[in-house]
C-alpha atoms as a PDB file:
ATOM      1  CA  MET A   1       0.000   0.000   0.000  1.00  0.00           C
ATOM      2  CA  THR A   2       2.828   2.367   0.856  1.00  0.00           C
ATOM      3  CA  ARG A   3       4.638   1.495  -2.339  1.00  0.00           C
ATOM      4  CA  LYS A   4       1.561   2.259  -4.409  1.00  0.00           C
ATOM      5  CA  LEU A   5       1.108   5.586  -2.626  1.00  0.00           C
ATOM      6  CA  LEU A   6       4.727   6.563  -3.256  1.00  0.00           C
ATOM      7  CA  ALA A   7       4.483   5.548  -6.917  1.00  0.00           C
ATOM      8  CA  GLY A   8       1.345   7.668  -7.302  1.00  0.00           C
ATOM      9  CA  LEU A   9       2.959  10.667  -5.715  1.00  0.00           C
ATOM     10  CA  ALA A  10       6.003  10.280  -7.983  1.00  0.00           C
ATOM     11  CA  ALA A  11       3.778  10.140 -11.050  1.00  0.00           C
ATOM     12  CA  LEU A  12       1.943  13.276  -9.993  1.00  0.00           C
ATOM     13  CA  GLY A  13       5.271  15.020  -9.446  1.00  0.00           C
ATOM     14  CA  LEU A  14       6.471  14.069 -12.927  1.00  0.00           C
ATOM     15  CA  LEU A  15       3.183  15.251 -14.437  1.00  0.00           C
ATOM     16  CA  ALA A  16       3.386  18.595 -12.627  1.00  0.00           C
ATOM     17  CA  CYS A  17       6.979  19.028 -13.723  1.00  0.00           C
ATOM     18  CA  GLY A  18       6.044  18.360 -17.348  1.00  0.00           C
ATOM     19  CA  LYS A  19       3.231  20.866 -17.216  1.00  0.00           C
ATOM     20  CA  GLY A  20       5.568  23.444 -15.660  1.00  0.00           C
ATOM     21  CA  LYS A  21       8.088  23.015 -18.469  1.00  0.00           C
ATOM     22  CA  GLN A  22       5.342  23.250 -21.090  1.00  0.00           C
ATOM     23  CA  THR A  23       4.002  26.417 -19.491  1.00  0.00           C
ATOM     24  CA  ALA A  24       7.479  27.949 -19.381  1.00  0.00           C
ATOM     25  CA  ALA A  25       8.063  27.087 -23.025  1.00  0.00           C
ATOM     26  CA  MET A  26       4.765  28.717 -24.009  1.00  0.00           C
ATOM     27  CA  ALA A  27       5.662  31.806 -22.017  1.00  0.00           C
ATOM     28  CA  ASP A  28       9.037  32.025 -23.744  1.00  0.00           C
ATOM     29  CA  SER A  29       7.396  31.675 -27.155  1.00  0.00           C
ATOM     30  CA  THR A  30       4.834  34.366 -26.328  1.00  0.00           C
ATOM     31  CA  ALA A  31       7.580  36.728 -25.187  1.00  0.00           C
ATOM     32  CA  ARG A  32       9.509  36.230 -28.407  1.00  0.00           C
ATOM     33  CA  ASN A  33       6.384  36.884 -30.461  1.00  0.00           C
ATOM     34  CA  LEU A  34       5.739  40.088 -28.559  1.00  0.00           C
ATOM     35  CA  GLU A  35       9.281  41.239 -29.229  1.00  0.00           C
ATOM     36  CA  LEU A  36       8.812  40.699 -32.969  1.00  0.00           C
ATOM     37  CA  ALA A  37       5.304  42.173 -33.116  1.00  0.00           C
ATOM     38  CA  PRO A  38       4.803  45.677 -34.717  1.00  0.00           C
ATOM     39  CA  GLY A  39       4.878  48.395 -32.104  1.00  0.00           C
ATOM     40  CA  GLY A  40       6.939  46.323 -29.684  1.00  0.00           C
ATOM     41  CA  ASN A  41       9.750  47.834 -27.665  1.00  0.00           C
ATOM     42  CA  SER A  42      12.468  46.234 -29.766  1.00  0.00           C
ATOM     43  CA  GLY A  43      14.217  49.534 -30.455  1.00  0.00           C
ATOM     44  CA  GLY A  44      13.786  49.384 -34.282  1.00  0.00           C
ATOM     45  CA  GLY A  45      10.531  47.628 -35.046  1.00  0.00           C
ATOM     46  CA  ASN A  46       8.551  47.615 -38.249  1.00  0.00           C
ATOM     47  CA  SER A  47       6.508  50.660 -37.233  1.00  0.00           C
ATOM     48  CA  ASP A  48       9.660  52.723 -36.723  1.00  0.00           C
ATOM     49  CA  ARG A  49      11.007  51.716 -40.115  1.00  0.00           C
ATOM     50  CA  ALA A  50       7.666  52.485 -41.749  1.00  0.00           C
ATOM     51  CA  ALA A  51       7.522  55.892 -40.079  1.00  0.00           C
ATOM     52  CA  ASN A  52      10.982  56.716 -41.389  1.00  0.00           C
ATOM     53  CA  THR A  53       9.964  55.983 -44.983  1.00  0.00           C
ATOM     54  CA  VAL A  54       6.849  58.216 -44.998  1.00  0.00           C
ATOM     55  CA  PRO A  55       7.689  61.496 -46.832  1.00  0.00           C
ATOM     56  CA  ARG A  56       7.415  64.596 -44.677  1.00  0.00           C
ATOM     57  CA  THR A  57       5.948  67.713 -46.252  1.00  0.00           C
ATOM     58  CA  ARG A  58       5.575  71.401 -45.493  1.00  0.00           C
ATOM     59  CA  GLY A  59       3.294  73.904 -47.122  1.00  0.00           C
ATOM     60  CA  LEU A  60       2.569  77.552 -47.753  1.00  0.00           C
ATOM     61  CA  ALA A  61      -0.919  79.002 -47.990  1.00  0.00           C
ATOM     62  CA  SER A  62      -2.226  81.090 -50.869  1.00  0.00           C
ATOM     63  CA  GLY A  63      -1.227  84.713 -50.396  1.00  0.00           C
ATOM     64  CA  ALA A  64       2.275  83.971 -49.102  1.00  0.00           C
ATOM     65  CA  THR A  65       4.915  86.283 -50.594  1.00  0.00           C
ATOM     66  CA  ILE A  66       8.366  85.425 -51.887  1.00  0.00           C
ATOM     67  CA  ASN A  67      11.165  87.977 -52.229  1.00  0.00           C
ATOM     68  CA  ALA A  68      13.486  87.230 -55.131  1.00  0.00           C
ATOM     69  CA  THR A  69      15.984  88.891 -57.500  1.00  0.00           C
ATOM     70  CA  MET A  70      16.208  88.840 -61.282  1.00  0.00           C
ATOM     71  CA  GLY A  71      18.936  86.614 -62.668  1.00  0.00           C
ATOM     72  CA  GLN A  72      19.412  88.543 -65.919  1.00  0.00           C
ATOM     73  CA  THR A  73      18.687  91.844 -67.624  1.00  0.00           C
ATOM     74  CA  ILE A  74      15.477  92.098 -69.678  1.00  0.00           C
ATOM     75  CA  SER A  75      14.858  94.698 -72.389  1.00  0.00           C
ATOM     76  CA  SER A  76      11.873  95.002 -74.702  1.00  0.00           C
ATOM     77  CA  ARG A  77      14.364  95.746 -77.463  1.00  0.00           C
ATOM     78  CA  SER A  78      15.666  92.170 -77.482  1.00  0.00           C
ATOM     79  CA  ALA A  79      13.490  89.963 -75.244  1.00  0.00           C
ATOM     80  CA  VAL A  80      10.560  88.111 -76.763  1.00  0.00           C
ATOM     81  CA  SER A  81       7.371  86.502 -75.539  1.00  0.00           C
ATOM     82  CA  GLY A  82       7.973  82.899 -74.437  1.00  0.00           C
ATOM     83  CA  GLU A  83      11.489  83.573 -73.145  1.00  0.00           C
ATOM     84  CA  LYS A  84      12.422  81.855 -69.858  1.00  0.00           C
ATOM     85  CA  ILE A  85      13.743  83.988 -67.002  1.00  0.00           C
ATOM     86  CA  SER A  86      15.338  82.670 -63.810  1.00  0.00           C
ATOM     87  CA  THR A  87      15.025  84.399 -60.432  1.00  0.00           C
ATOM     88  CA  THR A  88      16.687  83.601 -57.096  1.00  0.00           C
ATOM     89  CA  VAL A  89      14.855  83.529 -53.755  1.00  0.00           C
ATOM     90  CA  ALA A  90      16.515  86.201 -51.614  1.00  0.00           C
ATOM     91  CA  ALA A  91      15.341  85.100 -48.135  1.00  0.00           C
ATOM     92  CA  ASP A  92      13.884  82.009 -46.449  1.00  0.00           C
ATOM     93  CA  VAL A  93      10.115  81.710 -46.824  1.00  0.00           C
ATOM     94  CA  SER A  94       8.490  80.155 -43.743  1.00  0.00           C
ATOM     95  CA  ASN A  95       4.973  78.918 -43.043  1.00  0.00           C
ATOM     96  CA  SER A  96       2.689  79.947 -40.177  1.00  0.00           C
ATOM     97  CA  ALA A  97       4.435  77.452 -37.871  1.00  0.00           C
ATOM     98  CA  GLY A  98       7.794  79.088 -38.511  1.00  0.00           C
ATOM     99  CA  ARG A  99       9.108  76.175 -40.616  1.00  0.00           C
ATOM    100  CA  VAL A 100      11.159  77.040 -43.704  1.00  0.00           C
ATOM    101  CA  VAL A 101       9.370  75.889 -46.854  1.00  0.00           C
ATOM    102  CA  ILE A 102      11.390  77.683 -49.538  1.00  0.00           C
ATOM    103  CA  PRO A 103      15.004  78.270 -48.463  1.00  0.00           C
ATOM    104  CA  ALA A 104      17.009  81.228 -49.722  1.00  0.00           C
ATOM    105  CA  GLY A 105      18.916  80.357 -52.878  1.00  0.00           C
ATOM    106  CA  SER A 106      16.058  78.368 -54.404  1.00  0.00           C
ATOM    107  CA  THR A 107      15.159  79.392 -57.956  1.00  0.00           C
ATOM    108  CA  ILE A 108      11.819  80.358 -59.473  1.00  0.00           C
ATOM    109  CA  GLU A 109      11.344  80.236 -63.229  1.00  0.00           C
ATOM    110  CA  LEU A 110       9.274  82.824 -65.066  1.00  0.00           C
ATOM    111  CA  THR A 111       8.105  82.928 -68.676  1.00  0.00           C
ATOM    112  CA  ILE A 112       7.605  86.250 -70.454  1.00  0.00           C
ATOM    113  CA  THR A 113       4.035  86.299 -71.746  1.00  0.00           C
ATOM    114  CA  ASP A 114       4.010  89.841 -73.179  1.00  0.00           C
ATOM    115  CA  ILE A 115       6.670  92.501 -73.663  1.00  0.00           C
ATOM    116  CA  SER A 116       6.607  95.717 -75.670  1.00  0.00           C
ATOM    117  CA  PRO A 117       8.123  99.216 -75.434  1.00  0.00           C
ATOM    118  CA  ALA A 118       6.287 102.478 -74.851  1.00  0.00           C
ATOM    119  CA  LYS A 119       5.576 103.549 -78.449  1.00  0.00           C
ATOM    120  CA  ASN A 120       5.653 107.321 -77.830  1.00  0.00           C
ATOM    121  CA  LYS A 121       6.059 109.917 -75.110  1.00  0.00           C
ATOM    122  CA  GLY A 122       2.311 110.073 -74.687  1.00  0.00           C
ATOM    123  CA  GLN A 123       2.251 106.423 -73.667  1.00  0.00           C
ATOM    124  CA  ALA A 124       2.989 106.241 -69.959  1.00  0.00           C
ATOM    125  CA  ASP A 125       4.636 102.834 -69.991  1.00  0.00           C
ATOM    126  CA  GLY A 126       5.407  99.734 -71.980  1.00  0.00           C
ATOM    127  CA  THR A 127       4.230  96.205 -71.261  1.00  0.00           C
ATOM    128  CA  LEU A 128       5.919  93.358 -69.399  1.00  0.00           C
ATOM    129  CA  THR A 129       4.008  90.392 -67.979  1.00  0.00           C
ATOM    130  CA  PHE A 130       5.109  86.986 -66.722  1.00  0.00           C
ATOM    131  CA  ALA A 131       3.774  83.527 -65.986  1.00  0.00           C
ATOM    132  CA  VAL A 132       5.315  81.900 -62.886  1.00  0.00           C
ATOM    133  CA  THR A 133       5.970  78.279 -63.844  1.00  0.00           C
ATOM    134  CA  ASN A 134       7.909  76.389 -61.143  1.00  0.00           C
ATOM    135  CA  VAL A 135      10.149  76.615 -58.105  1.00  0.00           C
ATOM    136  CA  ARG A 136      13.290  74.501 -57.656  1.00  0.00           C
ATOM    137  CA  ILE A 137      14.039  73.541 -54.041  1.00  0.00           C
ATOM    138  CA  ARG A 138      17.034  71.360 -53.153  1.00  0.00           C
ATOM    139  CA  GLY A 139      17.306  70.258 -56.763  1.00  0.00           C
ATOM    140  CA  LYS A 140      13.639  69.268 -57.130  1.00  0.00           C
ATOM    141  CA  ASP A 141      11.073  71.153 -59.244  1.00  0.00           C
ATOM    142  CA  TYR A 142       7.566  71.898 -57.964  1.00  0.00           C
ATOM    143  CA  PRO A 143       4.731  73.475 -59.970  1.00  0.00           C
ATOM    144  CA  ILE A 144       3.626  76.752 -58.461  1.00  0.00           C
ATOM    145  CA  SER A 145       0.547  78.971 -58.761  1.00  0.00           C
ATOM    146  CA  ALA A 146       1.740  82.539 -58.351  1.00  0.00           C
ATOM    147  CA  GLN A 147       2.088  85.931 -59.973  1.00  0.00           C
ATOM    148  CA  VAL A 148       4.667  88.714 -60.004  1.00  0.00           C
ATOM    149  CA  THR A 149       3.145  91.500 -57.898  1.00  0.00           C
ATOM    150  CA  SER A 150       6.054  93.935 -57.686  1.00  0.00           C
ATOM    151  CA  LEU A 151       8.967  94.621 -60.047  1.00  0.00           C
ATOM    152  CA  ALA A 152      10.890  97.861 -60.536  1.00  0.00           C
ATOM    153  CA  HIS A 153      11.793  98.789 -64.118  1.00  0.00           C
ATOM    154  CA  SER A 154      12.917 101.744 -66.183  1.00  0.00           C
ATOM    155  CA  LEU A 155      12.194 103.174 -69.635  1.00  0.00           C
ATOM    156  CA  LYS A 156      15.176 103.834 -71.900  1.00  0.00           C
ATOM    157  CA  GLY A 157      14.663 105.822 -75.102  1.00  0.00           C
ATOM    158  CA  ARG A 158      15.967 104.385 -78.343  1.00  0.00           C
ATOM    159  CA  GLY A 159      16.536 107.798 -79.928  1.00  0.00           C
ATOM    160  CA  VAL A 160      16.176 108.345 -83.661  1.00  0.00           C
ATOM    161  CA  GLY A 161      18.163 105.442 -85.019  1.00  0.00           C
ATOM    162  CA  ALA A 162      17.762 102.883 -87.753  1.00  0.00           C
ATOM    163  CA  GLY A 163      14.782 101.392 -85.955  1.00  0.00           C
ATOM    164  CA  GLU A 164      12.926 104.711 -86.089  1.00  0.00           C
ATOM    165  CA  VAL A 165      13.424 105.495 -89.801  1.00  0.00           C
ATOM    166  CA  GLU A 166       9.796 104.744 -90.626  1.00  0.00           C
ATOM    167  CA  LYS A 167       8.612 107.232 -88.030  1.00  0.00           C
ATOM    168  CA  VAL A 168      10.895 109.940 -89.449  1.00  0.00           C
ATOM    169  CA  ALA A 169       9.612 109.234 -92.978  1.00  0.00           C
ATOM    170  CA  VAL A 170       6.011 109.555 -91.838  1.00  0.00           C
ATOM    171  CA  GLY A 171       6.770 112.846 -90.107  1.00  0.00           C
ATOM    172  CA  THR A 172       8.483 114.221 -93.217  1.00  0.00           C
ATOM    173  CA  ALA A 173       5.556 113.277 -95.440  1.00  0.00           C
ATOM    174  CA  ILE A 174       3.123 115.020 -93.126  1.00  0.00           C
ATOM    175  CA  GLY A 175       5.270 118.162 -93.190  1.00  0.00           C
ATOM    176  CA  ALA A 176       5.526 118.141 -96.982  1.00  0.00           C
ATOM    177  CA  VAL A 177       1.793 117.799 -97.495  1.00  0.00           C
ATOM    178  CA  ALA A 178       1.174 120.647 -95.067  1.00  0.00           C
ATOM    179  CA  GLY A 179       3.672 122.781 -97.025  1.00  0.00           C
ATOM    180  CA  ARG A 180       1.903 122.235-100.286  1.00  0.00           C
ATOM    181  CA  ILE A 181      -1.442 123.114 -98.805  1.00  0.00           C
ATOM    182  CA  ILE A 182      -0.110 126.236 -97.116  1.00  0.00           C
ATOM    183  CA  GLY A 183       2.086 127.415 -99.991  1.00  0.00           C
ATOM    184  CA  GLY A 184      -0.348 126.697-102.777  1.00  0.00           C
ATOM    185  CA  ASN A 185       2.476 126.633-105.385  1.00  0.00           C
ATOM    186  CA  THR A 186       5.713 124.917-106.318  1.00  0.00           C
ATOM    187  CA  LYS A 187       7.843 127.175-104.155  1.00  0.00           C
ATOM    188  CA  GLY A 188       5.533 126.688-101.245  1.00  0.00           C
ATOM    189  CA  ALA A 189       5.677 122.951-101.734  1.00  0.00           C
ATOM    190  CA  VAL A 190       9.473 122.973-101.683  1.00  0.00           C
ATOM    191  CA  ILE A 191       9.577 125.149 -98.598  1.00  0.00           C
ATOM    192  CA  GLY A 192       6.919 123.009 -97.007  1.00  0.00           C
ATOM    193  CA  GLY A 193       8.929 119.926 -97.816  1.00  0.00           C
ATOM    194  CA  VAL A 194      12.089 121.311 -96.256  1.00  0.00           C
ATOM    195  CA  VAL A 195      10.258 122.437 -93.141  1.00  0.00           C
ATOM    196  CA  GLY A 196       8.484 119.112 -93.089  1.00  0.00           C
ATOM    197  CA  ALA A 197      11.757 117.198 -93.015  1.00  0.00           C
ATOM    198  CA  GLY A 198      12.853 119.025 -89.867  1.00  0.00           C
ATOM    199  CA  GLY A 199       9.395 118.673 -88.421  1.00  0.00           C
ATOM    200  CA  GLY A 200       9.436 114.973 -89.202  1.00  0.00           C
ATOM    201  CA  THR A 201      12.594 114.496 -87.125  1.00  0.00           C
ATOM    202  CA  ALA A 202      10.946 116.282 -84.250  1.00  0.00           C
ATOM    203  CA  VAL A 203       7.894 114.059 -84.592  1.00  0.00           C
ATOM    204  CA  ALA A 204      10.125 110.969 -84.622  1.00  0.00           C
ATOM    205  CA  ILE A 205      11.797 112.077 -81.415  1.00  0.00           C
ATOM    206  CA  GLU A 206       8.400 112.528 -79.808  1.00  0.00           C
ATOM    207  CA  THR A 207       7.249 109.127 -81.046  1.00  0.00           C
ATOM    208  CA  ALA A 208      10.526 107.243 -80.545  1.00  0.00           C
ATOM    209  CA  SER A 209      10.065 104.003 -78.628  1.00  0.00           C
ATOM    210  CA  ARG A 210      11.225 103.746 -75.017  1.00  0.00           C
ATOM    211  CA  ASP A 211      12.186 100.241 -74.019  1.00  0.00           C
ATOM    212  CA  VAL A 212      11.079  98.566 -70.816  1.00  0.00           C
ATOM    213  CA  VAL A 213      14.282  97.523 -69.022  1.00  0.00           C
ATOM    214  CA  VAL A 214      14.734  95.393 -65.904  1.00  0.00           C
ATOM    215  CA  ASP A 215      18.337  95.066 -64.746  1.00  0.00           C
ATOM    216  CA  ALA A 216      19.856  91.864 -63.383  1.00  0.00           C
ATOM    217  CA  GLY A 217      19.678  91.812 -59.577  1.00  0.00           C
ATOM    218  CA  THR A 218      16.460  93.871 -59.469  1.00  0.00           C
ATOM    219  CA  PRO A 219      14.225  92.827 -56.526  1.00  0.00           C
ATOM    220  CA  LEU A 220      10.777  91.436 -57.262  1.00  0.00           C
ATOM    221  CA  THR A 221       7.903  90.095 -55.213  1.00  0.00           C
ATOM    222  CA  ILE A 222       6.053  86.904 -56.132  1.00  0.00           C
ATOM    223  CA  THR A 223       2.717  86.154 -54.449  1.00  0.00           C
ATOM    224  CA  LEU A 224       1.178  82.685 -54.283  1.00  0.00           C
ATOM    225  CA  THR A 225      -2.294  82.406 -55.817  1.00  0.00           C
ATOM    226  CA  GLY A 226      -2.666  78.813 -54.594  1.00  0.00           C
ATOM    227  CA  PRO A 227      -1.175  76.595 -51.867  1.00  0.00           C
ATOM    228  CA  LEU A 228       2.291  75.086 -52.266  1.00  0.00           C
ATOM    229  CA  THR A 229       3.418  71.776 -50.713  1.00  0.00           C
ATOM    230  CA  VAL A 230       7.033  70.591 -50.803  1.00  0.00           C
ATOM    231  CA  SER A 231       8.903  67.559 -49.492  1.00  0.00           C
ATOM    232  CA  VAL A 232      11.483  68.034 -46.737  1.00  0.00           C
ATOM    233  CA  ASN A 233      12.966  64.513 -46.776  1.00  0.00           C
END
């Protein structure tokens, strides 16, 4: 009877020991799974790697202004519609949170859409308009919705040169016709013609074109007409 009791107790002990080892093994397995699971405290889990690969972006709202400088001289005497013009951002442009979105030194490309001189002294100014096409930040181009809202320029007269010959000819013809009408005879016509030639030069000076000129390095202001989002990775 005693032997049977001892044998039973031994069997129970072995069974309990086996269950203890099985439980420990399961616990170890569970711990390893937790270490490998996303979001675990493994110091470099899948979630951390995923977070590092998500591009970070920053943006500017419509109405933000950009201060830039012209990269080259423009003159209505030589520039044509469709010509590309490069400008350089003069100062960092930050968003409302104080984060730099467009760093100084970035470039903004413009396209001349219309350019023409002032045709005469009665015309207050010539014409120069741009389309803002893109901004290059850290070597990457981004489309941009914006317009040039401030740009200083000057008007430079061409004088009476080869380009103004037609205007001089027109002025001379007007003077000659007036001479014939006033004189009423051959002599009057000749005198009128001579006076008309001098008068024609004066008319040409008055009607000589004045070119719109923007010098390289001239400051300009560009204002966003739509939001801009850029990558900072």
